[in-house]
């Protein structure tokens, strides 16, 4: 693949480059309560990519959350503006979870799954063709 995708936080202090060696591992919309709180909206939308395809510059702070029983993930945010940035950790070894709203151009993103669909806010409407799961979709479960 020859595409190069760039992105940043709101203030531009944290920037990244995603050089895909293959298609994303998964593209998901997550309705879990953690994502609702972290994004400040009804859901988070993410692409899961091989960590080797991703590089980031700028200072981030992080904290750990349990994304599923016994599965810890590290959430990162810009120290200047607080934007939610790439995530990684032992819950998803070798995978970087990239919030699509940080991409300079996210028009190519096509979510393939919705996870924690039982927590969908009743006023949040998404395409019903996007497959729904009560937990993490099998493609994300490793």
Protein backbone atom coordinates (compact mmCIF):
# COMPACT_ATOMS: atom_id res chain seq x y z
CA UNK A 1 0.00 0.00 0.00
CA UNK A 2 1.37 3.42 -0.90
CA UNK A 3 -1.02 5.68 0.98
CA UNK A 4 0.25 7.80 3.86
CA UNK A 5 -2.26 9.15 6.34
CA UNK A 6 -1.49 11.96 8.75
CA UNK A 7 -3.29 13.31 11.76
CA UNK A 8 -2.96 15.39 14.88
CA UNK A 9 -4.56 16.59 18.05
CA UNK A 10 -6.68 19.76 18.06
CA UNK A 11 -3.78 22.10 18.84
CA UNK A 12 -1.25 20.30 16.58
CA UNK A 13 1.26 19.57 19.37
CA UNK A 14 0.86 15.82 18.80
CA UNK A 15 1.16 14.63 15.21
CA UNK A 16 1.32 11.19 13.65
CA UNK A 17 1.86 9.32 10.43
CA UNK A 18 0.13 6.07 9.52
CA UNK A 19 1.84 4.18 6.70
CA UNK A 20 -0.35 1.12 6.12
CA UNK A 21 1.33 -2.11 5.14
CA UNK A 22 -2.13 -3.71 4.81
CA UNK A 23 -5.79 -2.88 5.33
CA UNK A 24 -6.74 -1.87 8.90
CA UNK A 25 -7.28 -4.83 11.23
CA UNK A 26 -10.73 -3.47 12.10
CA UNK A 27 -12.79 -0.31 11.91
CA UNK A 28 -15.25 -0.06 14.78
CA UNK A 29 -17.76 2.21 16.44
CA UNK A 30 -17.68 1.65 20.19
CA UNK A 31 -20.68 2.46 22.39
CA UNK A 32 -19.15 1.43 25.73
CA UNK A 33 -19.52 3.84 28.62
CA UNK A 34 -15.75 4.44 28.76
CA UNK A 35 -15.71 5.60 25.12
CA UNK A 36 -18.76 7.78 25.72
CA UNK A 37 -17.04 9.46 28.65
CA UNK A 38 -13.65 9.69 26.96
CA UNK A 39 -14.98 11.20 23.73
CA UNK A 40 -17.68 13.29 25.39
CA UNK A 41 -20.25 11.99 22.92
CA UNK A 42 -22.36 8.90 22.19
CA UNK A 43 -19.57 6.68 20.81
CA UNK A 44 -15.98 6.51 19.64
CA UNK A 45 -14.94 5.52 16.14
CA UNK A 46 -11.58 3.82 15.71
CA UNK A 47 -9.35 2.01 13.29
CA UNK A 48 -7.16 -0.76 14.65
CA UNK A 49 -3.85 -0.86 12.84
CA UNK A 50 -0.52 -2.70 13.18
CA UNK A 51 1.63 -0.71 15.61
CA UNK A 52 4.58 -1.01 13.22
CA UNK A 53 2.67 1.13 10.69
CA UNK A 54 2.30 4.06 13.11
CA UNK A 55 4.64 6.79 14.39
CA UNK A 56 3.78 9.74 16.61
CA UNK A 57 5.56 12.86 17.84
CA UNK A 58 4.62 15.18 20.67
CA UNK A 59 3.95 14.80 24.36
CA UNK A 60 1.05 12.71 25.59
CA UNK A 61 -0.14 11.66 29.01
CA UNK A 62 -1.78 8.35 29.57
CA UNK A 63 -3.88 6.30 31.92
CA UNK A 64 -4.97 2.69 31.92
CA UNK A 65 -8.51 1.36 31.62
CA UNK A 66 -9.98 -2.11 31.61
CA UNK A 67 -11.58 -2.50 28.17
CA UNK A 68 -12.91 -5.98 28.93
CA UNK A 69 -12.53 -8.19 31.99
CA UNK A 70 -8.81 -8.59 32.60
CA UNK A 71 -7.83 -6.62 29.46
CA UNK A 72 -5.95 -3.38 30.12
CA UNK A 73 -5.48 -0.67 27.52
CA UNK A 74 -3.53 2.58 27.67
CA UNK A 75 -5.44 5.70 26.65
CA UNK A 76 -3.33 8.68 25.59
CA UNK A 77 -4.15 12.36 25.29
CA UNK A 78 -2.33 15.55 24.31
CA UNK A 79 -0.93 17.34 27.37
CA UNK A 80 -1.74 20.73 25.83
CA UNK A 81 -5.28 20.42 24.44
CA UNK A 82 -6.46 17.09 25.88
CA UNK A 83 -7.34 15.50 22.53
CA UNK A 84 -7.80 11.74 22.63
CA UNK A 85 -4.89 10.21 20.71
CA UNK A 86 -3.72 6.71 19.77
CA UNK A 87 -4.24 3.88 22.26
CA UNK A 88 -2.30 0.69 22.81
CA UNK A 89 -1.47 -1.77 25.50
CA UNK A 90 -1.52 -5.38 26.60
CA UNK A 91 -5.23 -5.73 25.77
CA UNK A 92 -4.31 -5.52 22.07
CA UNK A 93 -0.65 -6.52 21.61
CA UNK A 94 0.93 -5.15 18.45
CA UNK A 95 -2.13 -3.04 17.68
CA UNK A 96 -2.58 0.73 17.81
CA UNK A 97 -6.14 2.00 18.19
CA UNK A 98 -6.50 5.27 16.35
CA UNK A 99 -9.47 7.62 16.90
CA UNK A 100 -10.61 8.49 13.38
CA UNK A 101 -11.47 12.07 14.32
CA UNK A 102 -7.75 12.79 14.63
CA UNK A 103 -7.06 11.91 10.98
CA UNK A 104 -6.54 14.87 8.64
CA UNK A 105 -8.87 13.08 6.21
CA UNK A 106 -11.21 10.43 7.59
CA UNK A 107 -13.47 10.29 4.52
CA UNK A 108 -12.18 6.82 3.59
CA UNK A 109 -13.23 5.24 6.90
CA UNK A 110 -16.02 2.68 6.68
CA UNK A 111 -16.97 1.17 10.06
CA UNK A 112 -17.51 -2.58 9.86
CA UNK A 113 -18.74 -3.22 13.39
CA UNK A 114 -20.39 -1.62 16.39
CA UNK A 115 -19.30 -2.95 19.77
CA UNK A 116 -21.16 -2.75 23.08
CA UNK A 117 -24.28 -2.03 21.03
CA UNK A 118 -26.49 -2.54 24.09
CA UNK A 119 -25.13 0.75 25.42
CA UNK A 120 -26.07 2.75 22.31
CA UNK A 121 -27.73 6.01 23.29
CA UNK A 122 -31.35 6.00 22.09
CA UNK A 123 -30.82 9.30 20.27
CA UNK A 124 -27.68 8.13 18.40
CA UNK A 125 -28.57 6.81 14.97
CA UNK A 126 -26.08 4.90 12.85
CA UNK A 127 -26.43 2.90 9.68
CA UNK A 128 -28.26 -0.32 10.58
CA UNK A 129 -26.09 -2.16 8.05
CA UNK A 130 -23.11 -1.87 10.43
CA UNK A 131 -22.96 -5.18 12.28
CA UNK A 132 -23.68 -4.96 16.03
CA UNK A 133 -22.01 -6.87 18.87
CA UNK A 134 -22.77 -6.86 22.59
CA UNK A 135 -19.05 -6.92 23.41
CA UNK A 136 -15.86 -6.68 21.35
CA UNK A 137 -16.33 -8.12 17.85
CA UNK A 138 -14.47 -11.37 17.11
CA UNK A 139 -12.03 -9.58 14.80
CA UNK A 140 -10.94 -7.46 17.78
CA UNK A 141 -10.88 -10.36 20.28
CA UNK A 142 -7.40 -11.84 20.06
